[in-house]
Amino acid sequence: MPKPLILIADDEELLRELYAELLQPHYEIVLSRNGTEAREKALSTPGLRGILMDVQMPGMNGLQVAREVLVKRPEVRIIIMSGTDVTYRVRQMFASEQVAFLVKPFELEALLLLAKQHFSPPVPE
């Protein structure tokens, strides 16, 4: 069974590489270093299962990218990471099973667990 394909978008190279190293055993990985590139890859990469994305990035921020991806690629699931607690209003705006939030700093085990829950393909009934 092929591994699900996910996009990791973070403008901090060390974090991007760390997340990729952690998730590589379970997922095929595509990397992006800013919001504009994340948007392009999210909308054009066939078979994309999910996006792990920081909020604060150059170009478009993660919330802008998520909003567009949810409209154009509703099958893609998103984990939004933020250094500040995401406000209630933002959580309501993205109130969907497709979107999960992770507040930095977090334990890598928490990221791995959330990724497995959120990005794993649905089990056929």
PDB file of N, CA and C in Angstrom:
ATOM      1  N   MET A   1       0.854  -1.183   0.000  1.00  0.00           N
ATOM      2  CA  MET A   1       0.000   0.000   0.000  1.00  0.00           C
ATOM      3  C   MET A   1       0.897   1.242   0.000  1.00  0.00           C
ATOM      4  N   PRO A   2       0.688   2.154  -0.938  1.00  0.00           N
ATOM      5  CA  PRO A   2       1.531   3.361  -0.978  1.00  0.00           C
ATOM      6  C   PRO A   2       1.263   4.272   0.217  1.00  0.00           C
ATOM      7  N   LYS A   3       2.303   4.995   0.593  1.00  0.00           N
ATOM      8  CA  LYS A   3       2.167   5.935   1.708  1.00  0.00           C
ATOM      9  C   LYS A   3       1.381   7.158   1.239  1.00  0.00           C
ATOM     10  N   PRO A   4       0.526   7.730   2.118  1.00  0.00           N
ATOM     11  CA  PRO A   4      -0.185   8.963   1.758  1.00  0.00           C
ATOM     12  C   PRO A   4       0.808  10.097   1.486  1.00  0.00           C
ATOM     13  N   LEU A   5       0.447  10.975   0.577  1.00  0.00           N
ATOM     14  CA  LEU A   5       1.291  12.108   0.194  1.00  0.00           C
ATOM     15  C   LEU A   5       0.857  13.350   0.965  1.00  0.00           C
ATOM     16  N   ILE A   6       1.820  13.993   1.654  1.00  0.00           N
ATOM     17  CA  ILE A   6       1.504  15.226   2.378  1.00  0.00           C
ATOM     18  C   ILE A   6       2.492  16.330   2.013  1.00  0.00           C
ATOM     19  N   LEU A   7       2.024  17.550   2.158  1.00  0.00           N
ATOM     20  CA  LEU A   7       2.826  18.750   1.937  1.00  0.00           C
ATOM     21  C   LEU A   7       3.159  19.345   3.297  1.00  0.00           C
ATOM     22  N   ILE A   8       4.442  19.648   3.516  1.00  0.00           N
ATOM     23  CA  ILE A   8       4.872  20.327   4.737  1.00  0.00           C
ATOM     24  C   ILE A   8       5.295  21.730   4.341  1.00  0.00           C
ATOM     25  N   ALA A   9       4.628  22.739   4.907  1.00  0.00           N
ATOM     26  CA  ALA A   9       4.903  24.137   4.564  1.00  0.00           C
ATOM     27  C   ALA A   9       5.283  24.908   5.825  1.00  0.00           C
ATOM     28  N   ASP A  10       6.540  25.335   5.880  1.00  0.00           N
ATOM     29  CA  ASP A  10       7.038  26.145   6.997  1.00  0.00           C
ATOM     30  C   ASP A  10       8.218  26.941   6.473  1.00  0.00           C
ATOM     31  N   ASP A  11       8.285  28.223   6.820  1.00  0.00           N
ATOM     32  CA  ASP A  11       9.375  29.054   6.312  1.00  0.00           C
ATOM     33  C   ASP A  11      10.683  28.830   7.066  1.00  0.00           C
ATOM     34  N   GLU A  12      10.637  28.133   8.190  1.00  0.00           N
ATOM     35  CA  GLU A  12      11.860  27.832   8.935  1.00  0.00           C
ATOM     36  C   GLU A  12      12.398  26.482   8.471  1.00  0.00           C
ATOM     37  N   GLU A  13      13.555  26.528   7.793  1.00  0.00           N
ATOM     38  CA  GLU A  13      14.110  25.326   7.173  1.00  0.00           C
ATOM     39  C   GLU A  13      14.355  24.200   8.179  1.00  0.00           C
ATOM     40  N   LEU A  14      14.901  24.521   9.342  1.00  0.00           N
ATOM     41  CA  LEU A  14      15.186  23.475  10.329  1.00  0.00           C
ATOM     42  C   LEU A  14      13.913  22.760  10.775  1.00  0.00           C
ATOM     43  N   LEU A  15      12.846  23.516  10.985  1.00  0.00           N
ATOM     44  CA  LEU A  15      11.575  22.896  11.378  1.00  0.00           C
ATOM     45  C   LEU A  15      10.994  22.060  10.242  1.00  0.00           C
ATOM     46  N   ARG A  16      11.059  22.593   9.032  1.00  0.00           N
ATOM     47  CA  ARG A  16      10.558  21.873   7.855  1.00  0.00           C
ATOM     48  C   ARG A  16      11.257  20.514   7.746  1.00  0.00           C
ATOM     49  N   GLU A  17      12.586  20.531   7.893  1.00  0.00           N
ATOM     50  CA  GLU A  17      13.368  19.297   7.787  1.00  0.00           C
ATOM     51  C   GLU A  17      13.075  18.347   8.948  1.00  0.00           C
ATOM     52  N   LEU A  18      12.905  18.899  10.149  1.00  0.00           N
ATOM     53  CA  LEU A  18      12.589  18.079  11.320  1.00  0.00           C
ATOM     54  C   LEU A  18      11.242  17.379  11.144  1.00  0.00           C
ATOM     55  N   TYR A  19      10.235  18.124  10.721  1.00  0.00           N
ATOM     56  CA  TYR A  19       8.911  17.533  10.496  1.00  0.00           C
ATOM     57  C   TYR A  19       8.984  16.455   9.409  1.00  0.00           C
ATOM     58  N   ALA A  20       9.729  16.734   8.346  1.00  0.00           N
ATOM     59  CA  ALA A  20       9.864  15.765   7.255  1.00  0.00           C
ATOM     60  C   ALA A  20      10.539  14.485   7.754  1.00  0.00           C
ATOM     61  N   GLU A  21      11.586  14.632   8.540  1.00  0.00           N
ATOM     62  CA  GLU A  21      12.298  13.465   9.071  1.00  0.00           C
ATOM     63  C   GLU A  21      11.379  12.628   9.967  1.00  0.00           C
ATOM     64  N   LEU A  22      10.585  13.297  10.785  1.00  0.00           N
ATOM     65  CA  LEU A  22       9.661  12.608  11.686  1.00  0.00           C
ATOM     66  C   LEU A  22       8.576  11.850  10.915  1.00  0.00           C
ATOM     67  N   LEU A  23       8.056  12.466   9.870  1.00  0.00           N
ATOM     68  CA  LEU A  23       6.901  11.911   9.161  1.00  0.00           C
ATOM     69  C   LEU A  23       7.260  11.014   7.974  1.00  0.00           C
ATOM     70  N   GLN A  24       8.511  11.081   7.506  1.00  0.00           N
ATOM     71  CA  GLN A  24       8.956  10.329   6.324  1.00  0.00           C
ATOM     72  C   GLN A  24       8.666   8.820   6.407  1.00  0.00           C
ATOM     73  N   PRO A  25       8.808   8.187   7.560  1.00  0.00           N
ATOM     74  CA  PRO A  25       8.515   6.750   7.588  1.00  0.00           C
ATOM     75  C   PRO A  25       7.048   6.412   7.276  1.00  0.00           C
ATOM     76  N   HIS A  26       6.168   7.370   7.436  1.00  0.00           N
ATOM     77  CA  HIS A  26       4.733   7.110   7.286  1.00  0.00           C
ATOM     78  C   HIS A  26       4.106   7.758   6.051  1.00  0.00           C
ATOM     79  N   TYR A  27       4.785   8.758   5.477  1.00  0.00           N
ATOM     80  CA  TYR A  27       4.202   9.560   4.392  1.00  0.00           C
ATOM     81  C   TYR A  27       5.227   9.867   3.309  1.00  0.00           C
ATOM     82  N   GLU A  28       4.732  10.040   2.093  1.00  0.00           N
ATOM     83  CA  GLU A  28       5.533  10.661   1.040  1.00  0.00           C
ATOM     84  C   GLU A  28       5.464  12.155   1.323  1.00  0.00           C
ATOM     85  N   ILE A  29       6.574  12.860   1.171  1.00  0.00           N
ATOM     86  CA  ILE A  29       6.650  14.257   1.596  1.00  0.00           C
ATOM     87  C   ILE A  29       6.972  15.178   0.421  1.00  0.00           C
ATOM     88  N   VAL A  30       6.253  16.291   0.355  1.00  0.00           N
ATOM     89  CA  VAL A  30       6.565  17.413  -0.533  1.00  0.00           C
ATOM     90  C   VAL A  30       6.800  18.599   0.395  1.00  0.00           C
ATOM     91  N   LEU A  31       7.861  19.379   0.142  1.00  0.00           N
ATOM     92  CA  LEU A  31       8.193  20.506   1.017  1.00  0.00           C
ATOM     93  C   LEU A  31       7.915  21.843   0.343  1.00  0.00           C
ATOM     94  N   SER A  32       7.574  22.826   1.171  1.00  0.00           N
ATOM     95  CA  SER A  32       7.341  24.187   0.691  1.00  0.00           C
ATOM     96  C   SER A  32       7.883  25.161   1.720  1.00  0.00           C
ATOM     97  N   ARG A  33       8.501  26.252   1.244  1.00  0.00           N
ATOM     98  CA  ARG A  33       9.161  27.190   2.165  1.00  0.00           C
ATOM     99  C   ARG A  33       8.409  28.491   2.391  1.00  0.00           C
ATOM    100  N   ASN A  34       7.267  28.682   1.721  1.00  0.00           N
ATOM    101  CA  ASN A  34       6.470  29.896   1.959  1.00  0.00           C
ATOM    102  C   ASN A  34       5.022  29.642   1.543  1.00  0.00           C
ATOM    103  N   GLY A  35       4.164  30.580   1.879  1.00  0.00           N
ATOM    104  CA  GLY A  35       2.748  30.405   1.615  1.00  0.00           C
ATOM    105  C   GLY A  35       2.382  30.345   0.142  1.00  0.00           C
ATOM    106  N   THR A  36       3.030  31.166  -0.662  1.00  0.00           N
ATOM    107  CA  THR A  36       2.730  31.187  -2.097  1.00  0.00           C
ATOM    108  C   THR A  36       3.084  29.851  -2.743  1.00  0.00           C
ATOM    109  N   GLU A  37       4.261  29.334  -2.402  1.00  0.00           N
ATOM    110  CA  GLU A  37       4.681  28.036  -2.926  1.00  0.00           C
ATOM    111  C   GLU A  37       3.769  26.917  -2.406  1.00  0.00           C
ATOM    112  N   ALA A  38       3.372  27.018  -1.140  1.00  0.00           N
ATOM    113  CA  ALA A  38       2.466  26.015  -0.560  1.00  0.00           C
ATOM    114  C   ALA A  38       1.146  25.989  -1.321  1.00  0.00           C
ATOM    115  N   ARG A  39       0.611  27.150  -1.631  1.00  0.00           N
ATOM    116  CA  ARG A  39      -0.641  27.241  -2.382  1.00  0.00           C
ATOM    117  C   ARG A  39      -0.497  26.562  -3.736  1.00  0.00           C
ATOM    118  N   GLU A  40       0.588  26.906  -4.460  1.00  0.00           N
ATOM    119  CA  GLU A  40       0.806  26.332  -5.792  1.00  0.00           C
ATOM    120  C   GLU A  40       0.891  24.811  -5.730  1.00  0.00           C
ATOM    121  N   LYS A  41       1.680  24.300  -4.787  1.00  0.00           N
ATOM    122  CA  LYS A  41       1.851  22.848  -4.679  1.00  0.00           C
ATOM    123  C   LYS A  41       0.566  22.171  -4.207  1.00  0.00           C
ATOM    124  N   ALA A  42      -0.142  22.794  -3.280  1.00  0.00           N
ATOM    125  CA  ALA A  42      -1.384  22.206  -2.764  1.00  0.00           C
ATOM    126  C   ALA A  42      -2.438  22.078  -3.858  1.00  0.00           C
ATOM    127  N   LEU A  43      -2.487  23.052  -4.740  1.00  0.00           N
ATOM    128  CA  LEU A  43      -3.509  23.039  -5.787  1.00  0.00           C
ATOM    129  C   LEU A  43      -3.115  22.203  -6.997  1.00  0.00           C
ATOM    130  N   SER A  44      -1.809  21.919  -7.162  1.00  0.00           N
ATOM    131  CA  SER A  44      -1.372  21.234  -8.377  1.00  0.00           C
ATOM    132  C   SER A  44      -0.819  19.828  -8.165  1.00  0.00           C
ATOM    133  N   THR A  45      -0.617  19.400  -6.926  1.00  0.00           N
ATOM    134  CA  THR A  45      -0.024  18.084  -6.680  1.00  0.00           C
ATOM    135  C   THR A  45      -1.108  17.007  -6.669  1.00  0.00           C
ATOM    136  N   PRO A  46      -1.076  16.096  -7.660  1.00  0.00           N
ATOM    137  CA  PRO A  46      -2.086  15.038  -7.690  1.00  0.00           C
ATOM    138  C   PRO A  46      -1.914  14.085  -6.506  1.00  0.00           C
ATOM    139  N   GLY A  47      -3.023  13.593  -5.983  1.00  0.00           N
ATOM    140  CA  GLY A  47      -2.977  12.595  -4.925  1.00  0.00           C
ATOM    141  C   GLY A  47      -2.633  13.122  -3.545  1.00  0.00           C
ATOM    142  N   LEU A  48      -2.618  14.432  -3.379  1.00  0.00           N
ATOM    143  CA  LEU A  48      -2.259  15.020  -2.086  1.00  0.00           C
ATOM    144  C   LEU A  48      -3.315  14.658  -1.043  1.00  0.00           C
ATOM    145  N   ARG A  49      -2.869  14.100   0.080  1.00  0.00           N
ATOM    146  CA  ARG A  49      -3.783  13.707   1.161  1.00  0.00           C
ATOM    147  C   ARG A  49      -3.920  14.797   2.210  1.00  0.00           C
ATOM    148  N   GLY A  50      -2.797  15.495   2.507  1.00  0.00           N
ATOM    149  CA  GLY A  50      -2.864  16.476   3.575  1.00  0.00           C
ATOM    150  C   GLY A  50      -1.762  17.508   3.522  1.00  0.00           C
ATOM    151  N   ILE A  51      -1.944  18.544   4.355  1.00  0.00           N
ATOM    152  CA  ILE A  51      -0.977  19.638   4.464  1.00  0.00           C
ATOM    153  C   ILE A  51      -0.715  19.894   5.940  1.00  0.00           C
ATOM    154  N   LEU A  52       0.566  19.946   6.294  1.00  0.00           N
ATOM    155  CA  LEU A  52       1.002  20.387   7.615  1.00  0.00           C
ATOM    156  C   LEU A  52       1.596  21.764   7.387  1.00  0.00           C
ATOM    157  N   MET A  53       0.992  22.813   7.973  1.00  0.00           N
ATOM    158  CA  MET A  53       1.343  24.164   7.558  1.00  0.00           C
ATOM    159  C   MET A  53       1.395  25.137   8.726  1.00  0.00           C
ATOM    160  N   ASP A  54       2.438  25.965   8.727  1.00  0.00           N
ATOM    161  CA  ASP A  54       2.568  27.040   9.699  1.00  0.00           C
ATOM    162  C   ASP A  54       1.628  28.180   9.302  1.00  0.00           C
ATOM    163  N   VAL A  55       1.226  28.992  10.276  1.00  0.00           N
ATOM    164  CA  VAL A  55       0.382  30.151   9.973  1.00  0.00           C
ATOM    165  C   VAL A  55       1.225  31.285   9.407  1.00  0.00           C
ATOM    166  N   GLN A  56       2.277  31.661  10.108  1.00  0.00           N
ATOM    167  CA  GLN A  56       3.090  32.818   9.716  1.00  0.00           C
ATOM    168  C   GLN A  56       4.152  32.411   8.708  1.00  0.00           C
ATOM    169  N   MET A  57       3.933  32.779   7.438  1.00  0.00           N
ATOM    170  CA  MET A  57       4.892  32.505   6.371  1.00  0.00           C
ATOM    171  C   MET A  57       4.905  33.684   5.416  1.00  0.00           C
ATOM    172  N   PRO A  58       6.034  33.881   4.728  1.00  0.00           N
ATOM    173  CA  PRO A  58       6.078  34.931   3.705  1.00  0.00           C
ATOM    174  C   PRO A  58       5.114  34.616   2.557  1.00  0.00           C
ATOM    175  N   GLY A  59       4.749  35.644   1.829  1.00  0.00           N
ATOM    176  CA  GLY A  59       3.786  35.470   0.738  1.00  0.00           C
ATOM    177  C   GLY A  59       2.402  35.409   1.341  1.00  0.00           C
ATOM    178  N   MET A  60       1.728  34.317   1.136  1.00  0.00           N
ATOM    179  CA  MET A  60       0.418  34.103   1.753  1.00  0.00           C
ATOM    180  C   MET A  60       0.628  33.457   3.115  1.00  0.00           C
ATOM    181  N   ASN A  61      -0.224  33.794   4.095  1.00  0.00           N
ATOM    182  CA  ASN A  61      -0.097  33.090   5.369  1.00  0.00           C
ATOM    183  C   ASN A  61      -0.868  31.770   5.287  1.00  0.00           C
ATOM    184  N   GLY A  62      -0.648  30.925   6.270  1.00  0.00           N
ATOM    185  CA  GLY A  62      -1.249  29.598   6.252  1.00  0.00           C
ATOM    186  C   GLY A  62      -2.767  29.593   6.242  1.00  0.00           C
ATOM    187  N   LEU A  63      -3.378  30.587   6.886  1.00  0.00           N
ATOM    188  CA  LEU A  63      -4.842  30.653   6.905  1.00  0.00           C
ATOM    189  C   LEU A  63      -5.392  30.983   5.525  1.00  0.00           C
ATOM    190  N   GLN A  64      -4.707  31.877   4.801  1.00  0.00           N
ATOM    191  CA  GLN A  64      -5.133  32.210   3.435  1.00  0.00           C
ATOM    192  C   GLN A  64      -5.021  30.985   2.529  1.00  0.00           C
ATOM    193  N   VAL A  65      -3.913  30.266   2.664  1.00  0.00           N
ATOM    194  CA  VAL A  65      -3.719  29.060   1.854  1.00  0.00           C
ATOM    195  C   VAL A  65      -4.805  28.033   2.188  1.00  0.00           C
ATOM    196  N   ALA A  66      -5.044  27.814   3.480  1.00  0.00           N
ATOM    197  CA  ALA A  66      -6.043  26.828   3.902  1.00  0.00           C
ATOM    198  C   ALA A  66      -7.419  27.163   3.349  1.00  0.00           C
ATOM    199  N   ARG A  67      -7.793  28.424   3.417  1.00  0.00           N
ATOM    200  CA  ARG A  67      -9.112  28.843   2.933  1.00  0.00           C
ATOM    201  C   ARG A  67      -9.277  28.477   1.456  1.00  0.00           C
ATOM    202  N   GLU A  68      -8.261  28.768   0.649  1.00  0.00           N
ATOM    203  CA  GLU A  68      -8.354  28.484  -0.784  1.00  0.00           C
ATOM    204  C   GLU A  68      -8.329  26.982  -1.069  1.00  0.00           C
ATOM    205  N   VAL A  69      -7.464  26.259  -0.368  1.00  0.00           N
ATOM    206  CA  VAL A  69      -7.369  24.814  -0.582  1.00  0.00           C
ATOM    207  C   VAL A  69      -8.682  24.124  -0.213  1.00  0.00           C
ATOM    208  N   LEU A  70      -9.312  24.542   0.875  1.00  0.00           N
ATOM    209  CA  LEU A  70     -10.572  23.918   1.290  1.00  0.00           C
ATOM    210  C   LEU A  70     -11.668  24.074   0.241  1.00  0.00           C
ATOM    211  N   VAL A  71     -11.642  25.175  -0.497  1.00  0.00           N
ATOM    212  CA  VAL A  71     -12.635  25.400  -1.550  1.00  0.00           C
ATOM    213  C   VAL A  71     -12.300  24.587  -2.799  1.00  0.00           C
ATOM    214  N   LYS A  72     -11.028  24.618  -3.210  1.00  0.00           N
ATOM    215  CA  LYS A  72     -10.643  24.006  -4.481  1.00  0.00           C
ATOM    216  C   LYS A  72     -10.257  22.534  -4.386  1.00  0.00           C
ATOM    217  N   ARG A  73      -9.838  22.095  -3.202  1.00  0.00           N
ATOM    218  CA  ARG A  73      -9.436  20.689  -3.008  1.00  0.00           C
ATOM    219  C   ARG A  73     -10.048  20.167  -1.708  1.00  0.00           C
ATOM    220  N   PRO A  74     -11.364  20.015  -1.647  1.00  0.00           N
ATOM    221  CA  PRO A  74     -12.022  19.646  -0.389  1.00  0.00           C
ATOM    222  C   PRO A  74     -11.597  18.285   0.165  1.00  0.00           C
ATOM    223  N   GLU A  75     -10.959  17.460  -0.650  1.00  0.00           N
ATOM    224  CA  GLU A  75     -10.510  16.151  -0.170  1.00  0.00           C
ATOM    225  C   GLU A  75      -9.220  16.232   0.650  1.00  0.00           C
ATOM    226  N   VAL A  76      -8.527  17.366   0.585  1.00  0.00           N
ATOM    227  CA  VAL A  76      -7.249  17.537   1.288  1.00  0.00           C
ATOM    228  C   VAL A  76      -7.510  17.943   2.740  1.00  0.00           C
ATOM    229  N   ARG A  77      -6.833  17.249   3.660  1.00  0.00           N
ATOM    230  CA  ARG A  77      -6.962  17.554   5.090  1.00  0.00           C
ATOM    231  C   ARG A  77      -5.776  18.416   5.514  1.00  0.00           C
ATOM    232  N   ILE A  78      -5.995  19.299   6.487  1.00  0.00           N
ATOM    233  CA  ILE A  78      -4.989  20.302   6.842  1.00  0.00           C
ATOM    234  C   ILE A  78      -4.764  20.326   8.348  1.00  0.00           C
ATOM    235  N   ILE A  79      -3.480  20.385   8.737  1.00  0.00           N
ATOM    236  CA  ILE A  79      -3.111  20.675  10.122  1.00  0.00           C
ATOM    237  C   ILE A  79      -2.428  22.036  10.104  1.00  0.00           C
ATOM    238  N   ILE A  80      -2.988  22.983  10.846  1.00  0.00           N
ATOM    239  CA  ILE A  80      -2.435  24.332  10.928  1.00  0.00           C
ATOM    240  C   ILE A  80      -1.673  24.462  12.240  1.00  0.00           C
ATOM    241  N   MET A  81      -0.388  24.846  12.126  1.00  0.00           N
ATOM    242  CA  MET A  81       0.451  25.055  13.309  1.00  0.00           C
ATOM    243  C   MET A  81       0.585  26.550  13.552  1.00  0.00           C
ATOM    244  N   SER A  82       0.515  26.939  14.826  1.00  0.00           N
ATOM    245  CA  SER A  82       0.631  28.359  15.152  1.00  0.00           C
ATOM    246  C   SER A  82       1.414  28.538  16.439  1.00  0.00           C
ATOM    247  N   GLY A  83       2.261  29.575  16.456  1.00  0.00           N
ATOM    248  CA  GLY A  83       3.029  29.910  17.649  1.00  0.00           C
ATOM    249  C   GLY A  83       2.181  30.586  18.705  1.00  0.00           C
ATOM    250  N   THR A  84       1.029  31.072  18.312  1.00  0.00           N
ATOM    251  CA  THR A  84       0.094  31.668  19.271  1.00  0.00           C
ATOM    252  C   THR A  84      -1.194  30.869  19.193  1.00  0.00           C
ATOM    253  N   ASP A  85      -1.916  30.836  20.280  1.00  0.00           N
ATOM    254  CA  ASP A  85      -3.165  30.091  20.274  1.00  0.00           C
ATOM    255  C   ASP A  85      -4.092  30.693  19.220  1.00  0.00           C
ATOM    256  N   VAL A  86      -4.639  29.849  18.401  1.00  0.00           N
ATOM    257  CA  VAL A  86      -5.534  30.292  17.341  1.00  0.00           C
ATOM    258  C   VAL A  86      -6.840  30.750  17.987  1.00  0.00           C
ATOM    259  N   THR A  87      -7.294  31.915  17.598  1.00  0.00           N
ATOM    260  CA  THR A  87      -8.478  32.498  18.226  1.00  0.00           C
ATOM    261  C   THR A  87      -9.735  31.679  17.947  1.00  0.00           C
ATOM    262  N   TYR A  88     -10.709  31.882  18.784  1.00  0.00           N
ATOM    263  CA  TYR A  88     -11.996  31.206  18.636  1.00  0.00           C
ATOM    264  C   TYR A  88     -12.592  31.507  17.259  1.00  0.00           C
ATOM    265  N   ARG A  89     -12.483  32.767  16.828  1.00  0.00           N
ATOM    266  CA  ARG A  89     -13.043  33.172  15.533  1.00  0.00           C
ATOM    267  C   ARG A  89     -12.403  32.384  14.389  1.00  0.00           C
ATOM    268  N   VAL A  90     -11.087  32.230  14.450  1.00  0.00           N
ATOM    269  CA  VAL A  90     -10.396  31.473  13.405  1.00  0.00           C
ATOM    270  C   VAL A  90     -10.814  30.004  13.456  1.00  0.00           C
ATOM    271  N   ARG A  91     -10.916  29.450  14.649  1.00  0.00           N
ATOM    272  CA  ARG A  91     -11.345  28.046  14.766  1.00  0.00           C
ATOM    273  C   ARG A  91     -12.756  27.857  14.198  1.00  0.00           C
ATOM    274  N   GLN A  92     -13.639  28.826  14.427  1.00  0.00           N
ATOM    275  CA  GLN A  92     -14.998  28.752  13.887  1.00  0.00           C
ATOM    276  C   GLN A  92     -14.983  28.844  12.362  1.00  0.00           C
ATOM    277  N   MET A  93     -14.112  29.701  11.836  1.00  0.00           N
ATOM    278  CA  MET A  93     -14.007  29.885  10.394  1.00  0.00           C
ATOM    279  C   MET A  93     -13.612  28.564   9.716  1.00  0.00           C
ATOM    280  N   PHE A  94     -12.806  27.775  10.411  1.00  0.00           N
ATOM    281  CA  PHE A  94     -12.337  26.508   9.860  1.00  0.00           C
ATOM    282  C   PHE A  94     -12.961  25.319  10.584  1.00  0.00           C
ATOM    283  N   ALA A  95     -14.170  25.496  11.101  1.00  0.00           N
ATOM    284  CA  ALA A  95     -14.845  24.413  11.824  1.00  0.00           C
ATOM    285  C   ALA A  95     -15.198  23.311  10.835  1.00  0.00           C
ATOM    286  N   SER A  96     -14.348  22.320  10.759  1.00  0.00           N
ATOM    287  CA  SER A  96     -14.504  21.257   9.789  1.00  0.00           C
ATOM    288  C   SER A  96     -13.633  20.085  10.214  1.00  0.00           C
ATOM    289  N   GLU A  97     -14.051  18.891   9.847  1.00  0.00           N
ATOM    290  CA  GLU A  97     -13.215  17.721  10.117  1.00  0.00           C
ATOM    291  C   GLU A  97     -11.943  17.758   9.291  1.00  0.00           C
ATOM    292  N   GLN A  98     -11.914  18.587   8.257  1.00  0.00           N
ATOM    293  CA  GLN A  98     -10.745  18.670   7.388  1.00  0.00           C
ATOM    294  C   GLN A  98      -9.591  19.424   8.026  1.00  0.00           C
ATOM    295  N   VAL A  99      -9.861  20.237   9.053  1.00  0.00           N
ATOM    296  CA  VAL A  99      -8.830  21.112   9.621  1.00  0.00           C
ATOM    297  C   VAL A  99      -8.617  20.794  11.093  1.00  0.00           C
ATOM    298  N   ALA A 100      -7.340  20.670  11.462  1.00  0.00           N
ATOM    299  CA  ALA A 100      -6.961  20.500  12.867  1.00  0.00           C
ATOM    300  C   ALA A 100      -5.920  21.567  13.193  1.00  0.00           C
ATOM    301  N   PHE A 101      -5.806  21.902  14.471  1.00  0.00           N
ATOM    302  CA  PHE A 101      -4.866  22.939  14.908  1.00  0.00           C
ATOM    303  C   PHE A 101      -3.867  22.349  15.891  1.00  0.00           C
ATOM    304  N   LEU A 102      -2.628  22.841  15.819  1.00  0.00           N
ATOM    305  CA  LEU A 102      -1.573  22.426  16.731  1.00  0.00           C
ATOM    306  C   LEU A 102      -0.837  23.684  17.164  1.00  0.00           C
ATOM    307  N   VAL A 103      -0.828  23.958  18.476  1.00  0.00           N
ATOM    308  CA  VAL A 103      -0.210  25.177  18.997  1.00  0.00           C
ATOM    309  C   VAL A 103       1.245  24.895  19.361  1.00  0.00           C
ATOM    310  N   LYS A 104       2.154  25.727  18.820  1.00  0.00           N
ATOM    311  CA  LYS A 104       3.581  25.625  19.144  1.00  0.00           C
ATOM    312  C   LYS A 104       3.837  26.276  20.490  1.00  0.00           C
ATOM    313  N   PRO A 105       4.782  25.810  21.259  1.00  0.00           N
ATOM    314  CA  PRO A 105       5.590  24.606  21.011  1.00  0.00           C
ATOM    315  C   PRO A 105       4.778  23.347  21.328  1.00  0.00           C
ATOM    316  N   PHE A 106       5.107  22.271  20.650  1.00  0.00           N
ATOM    317  CA  PHE A 106       4.436  20.999  20.886  1.00  0.00           C
ATOM    318  C   PHE A 106       5.479  19.893  20.887  1.00  0.00           C
ATOM    319  N   GLU A 107       5.121  18.790  21.504  1.00  0.00           N
ATOM    320  CA  GLU A 107       5.982  17.608  21.500  1.00  0.00           C
ATOM    321  C   GLU A 107       5.878  16.954  20.120  1.00  0.00           C
ATOM    322  N   LEU A 108       6.984  16.431  19.626  1.00  0.00           N
ATOM    323  CA  LEU A 108       6.965  15.771  18.322  1.00  0.00           C
ATOM    324  C   LEU A 108       6.021  14.569  18.319  1.00  0.00           C
ATOM    325  N   GLU A 109       5.900  13.905  19.452  1.00  0.00           N
ATOM    326  CA  GLU A 109       4.956  12.787  19.550  1.00  0.00           C
ATOM    327  C   GLU A 109       3.521  13.254  19.307  1.00  0.00           C
ATOM    328  N   ALA A 110       3.195  14.460  19.784  1.00  0.00           N
ATOM    329  CA  ALA A 110       1.846  15.006  19.570  1.00  0.00           C
ATOM    330  C   ALA A 110       1.604  15.252  18.083  1.00  0.00           C
ATOM    331  N   LEU A 111       2.625  15.754  17.384  1.00  0.00           N
ATOM    332  CA  LEU A 111       2.509  15.973  15.942  1.00  0.00           C
ATOM    333  C   LEU A 111       2.316  14.647  15.216  1.00  0.00           C
ATOM    334  N   LEU A 112       3.117  13.663  15.564  1.00  0.00           N
ATOM    335  CA  LEU A 112       3.025  12.359  14.907  1.00  0.00           C
ATOM    336  C   LEU A 112       1.648  11.729  15.127  1.00  0.00           C
ATOM    337  N   LEU A 113       1.148  11.795  16.346  1.00  0.00           N
ATOM    338  CA  LEU A 113      -0.165  11.235  16.657  1.00  0.00           C
ATOM    339  C   LEU A 113      -1.274  11.949  15.880  1.00  0.00           C
ATOM    340  N   LEU A 114      -1.238  13.286  15.870  1.00  0.00           N
ATOM    341  CA  LEU A 114      -2.258  14.042  15.145  1.00  0.00           C
ATOM    342  C   LEU A 114      -2.177  13.765  13.644  1.00  0.00           C
ATOM    343  N   ALA A 115      -0.965  13.690  13.100  1.00  0.00           N
ATOM    344  CA  ALA A 115      -0.802  13.395  11.671  1.00  0.00           C
ATOM    345  C   ALA A 115      -1.395  12.027  11.337  1.00  0.00           C
ATOM    346  N   LYS A 116      -1.110  11.036  12.161  1.00  0.00           N
ATOM    347  CA  LYS A 116      -1.652   9.693  11.902  1.00  0.00           C
ATOM    348  C   LYS A 116      -3.180   9.699  11.946  1.00  0.00           C
ATOM    349  N   GLN A 117      -3.750  10.432  12.901  1.00  0.00           N
ATOM    350  CA  GLN A 117      -5.210  10.506  13.011  1.00  0.00           C
ATOM    351  C   GLN A 117      -5.819  11.276  11.843  1.00  0.00           C
ATOM    352  N   HIS A 118      -5.168  12.355  11.459  1.00  0.00           N
ATOM    353  CA  HIS A 118      -5.761  13.296  10.507  1.00  0.00           C
ATOM    354  C   HIS A 118      -5.479  12.942   9.044  1.00  0.00           C
ATOM    355  N   PHE A 119      -4.296  12.380   8.759  1.00  0.00           N
ATOM    356  CA  PHE A 119      -3.896  12.138   7.373  1.00  0.00           C
ATOM    357  C   PHE A 119      -4.067  10.694   6.909  1.00  0.00           C
ATOM    358  N   SER A 120      -4.359   9.786   7.826  1.00  0.00           N
ATOM    359  CA  SER A 120      -4.504   8.395   7.411  1.00  0.00           C
ATOM    360  C   SER A 120      -5.734   8.249   6.535  1.00  0.00           C
ATOM    361  N   PRO A 121      -5.628   7.436   5.492  1.00  0.00           N
ATOM    362  CA  PRO A 121      -6.798   7.238   4.631  1.00  0.00           C
ATOM    363  C   PRO A 121      -7.945   6.620   5.424  1.00  0.00           C
ATOM    364  N   PRO A 122      -9.173   6.947   5.063  1.00  0.00           N
ATOM    365  CA  PRO A 122     -10.313   6.357   5.769  1.00  0.00           C
ATOM    366  C   PRO A 122     -10.342   4.841   5.572  1.00  0.00           C
ATOM    367  N   VAL A 123     -10.792   4.147   6.589  1.00  0.00           N
ATOM    368  CA  VAL A 123     -10.905   2.690   6.512  1.00  0.00           C
ATOM    369  C   VAL A 123     -12.200   2.359   5.780  1.00  0.00           C
ATOM    370  N   PRO A 124     -12.107   1.540   4.722  1.00  0.00           N
ATOM    371  CA  PRO A 124     -13.334   1.190   3.987  1.00  0.00           C
ATOM    372  C   PRO A 124     -14.299   0.419   4.886  1.00  0.00           C
ATOM    373  N   GLU A 125     -15.575   0.669   4.702  1.00  0.00           N
ATOM    374  CA  GLU A 125     -16.596   0.000   5.534  1.00  0.00           C
ATOM    375  C   GLU A 125     -16.978  -1.333   4.945  1.00  0.00           C
TER     376      GLU A 125
END
